[in-house]
Each structure stands twice: as C-alpha cells, then as structure tokens.
Amino acid sequence: MNAADLGAALRARRRALHLTQIETADLADISTRVLSDLENGRETVRLDILTAVASALGMNLSLQVAGK
C-alpha cells in the first residue's frame, strides 16, 4: 500500500465514523496539519503517528510479507 492509498483509507474510515479532522487529530494527539498531510499522501509516515491515528479510528495495523 502506498502513501496515497493509506491516506485514502484513513480518510474513508474517519468519514465513516463522522469525525472531523480536528476531532481525529485531538484523539490521536497530533496536529490537524499532520493528519491532513497523512490523508493526502504528503506526510512521511512515522510508525508512532500511524499507530495513534489508527487507534483513534478503531483500526489495527498489520504487516505482510511482500508477495504473499
């Protein structure tokens, strides 16, 4: 999954939960700018930020071996 696909998935989940970027950023303890950049594929994804956003949205992170 590339940064744009990841951002789109996070945005879709946030919207499905009827959360604003401000509410989500507050829940994840990040700035709205970072969340916006992440959702638009412009932010280099740091694991701690991604984990915080995923948790705020009730999502889990998982890793897969490439090609499997």
Protein backbone atom coordinates (compact mmCIF):
# COMPACT_ATOMS: atom_id res chain seq x y z
CA MET A 1 0.00 0.00 0.00
CA ASN A 2 1.46 3.35 -0.97
CA ALA A 3 1.09 6.63 0.94
CA ALA A 4 -1.84 7.83 -1.18
CA ASP A 5 -3.79 4.58 -0.68
CA LEU A 6 -3.06 4.61 3.05
CA GLY A 7 -4.23 8.20 3.34
CA ALA A 8 -7.40 7.46 1.40
CA ALA A 9 -8.17 4.50 3.68
CA LEU A 10 -7.69 6.62 6.79
CA ARG A 11 -9.86 9.43 5.38
CA ALA A 12 -12.61 6.98 4.43
CA ARG A 13 -12.62 5.45 7.92
CA ARG A 14 -12.67 8.89 9.58
CA ARG A 15 -15.60 9.97 7.42
CA ALA A 16 -17.44 6.69 8.07
CA LEU A 17 -17.17 7.47 11.79
CA HIS A 18 -18.44 11.02 11.14
CA LEU A 19 -15.33 12.53 12.67
CA THR A 20 -13.75 15.80 11.62
CA GLN A 21 -10.04 16.16 11.10
CA ILE A 22 -9.93 18.26 14.26
CA GLU A 23 -11.65 15.57 16.33
CA THR A 24 -9.43 12.83 14.91
CA ALA A 25 -6.25 14.83 15.40
CA ASP A 26 -7.25 15.50 19.01
CA LEU A 27 -7.90 11.79 19.60
CA ALA A 28 -4.53 10.89 18.07
CA ASP A 29 -2.73 13.78 19.82
CA ILE A 30 -1.34 15.16 16.56
CA SER A 31 -1.85 18.40 14.65
CA THR A 32 -4.54 18.74 12.02
CA ARG A 33 -1.80 19.64 9.52
CA VAL A 34 -0.07 16.30 10.08
CA LEU A 35 -3.39 14.45 9.73
CA SER A 36 -4.25 16.36 6.56
CA ASP A 37 -0.82 15.64 5.08
CA LEU A 38 -1.16 11.96 6.03
CA GLU A 39 -4.64 11.69 4.48
CA ASN A 40 -3.38 13.32 1.28
CA GLY A 41 -0.29 11.13 0.98
CA ARG A 42 2.08 14.03 1.60
CA GLU A 43 3.34 13.01 5.03
CA THR A 44 6.18 10.59 5.53
CA VAL A 45 4.53 8.02 7.74
CA ARG A 46 6.10 7.67 11.16
CA LEU A 47 5.03 4.49 12.89
CA ASP A 48 4.05 6.26 16.14
CA ILE A 49 1.80 8.70 14.28
CA LEU A 50 0.25 5.99 12.13
CA THR A 51 -0.39 3.87 15.22
CA ALA A 52 -2.02 6.82 17.02
CA VAL A 53 -4.28 7.65 14.08
CA ALA A 54 -5.23 4.01 13.52
CA SER A 55 -6.06 3.62 17.20
CA ALA A 56 -8.14 6.81 17.19
CA LEU A 57 -10.10 5.38 14.25
CA GLY A 58 -10.50 1.91 15.77
CA MET A 59 -8.21 0.33 13.18
CA ASN A 60 -5.44 -2.25 13.54
CA LEU A 61 -2.08 -2.25 11.83
CA SER A 62 -0.65 -5.41 10.35
CA LEU A 63 2.43 -6.26 8.34
CA GLN A 64 2.53 -8.70 5.47
CA VAL A 65 5.44 -10.30 3.71
CA ALA A 66 5.72 -8.87 0.18
CA GLY A 67 4.32 -11.16 -2.48
CA LYS A 68 2.15 -13.15 -0.10
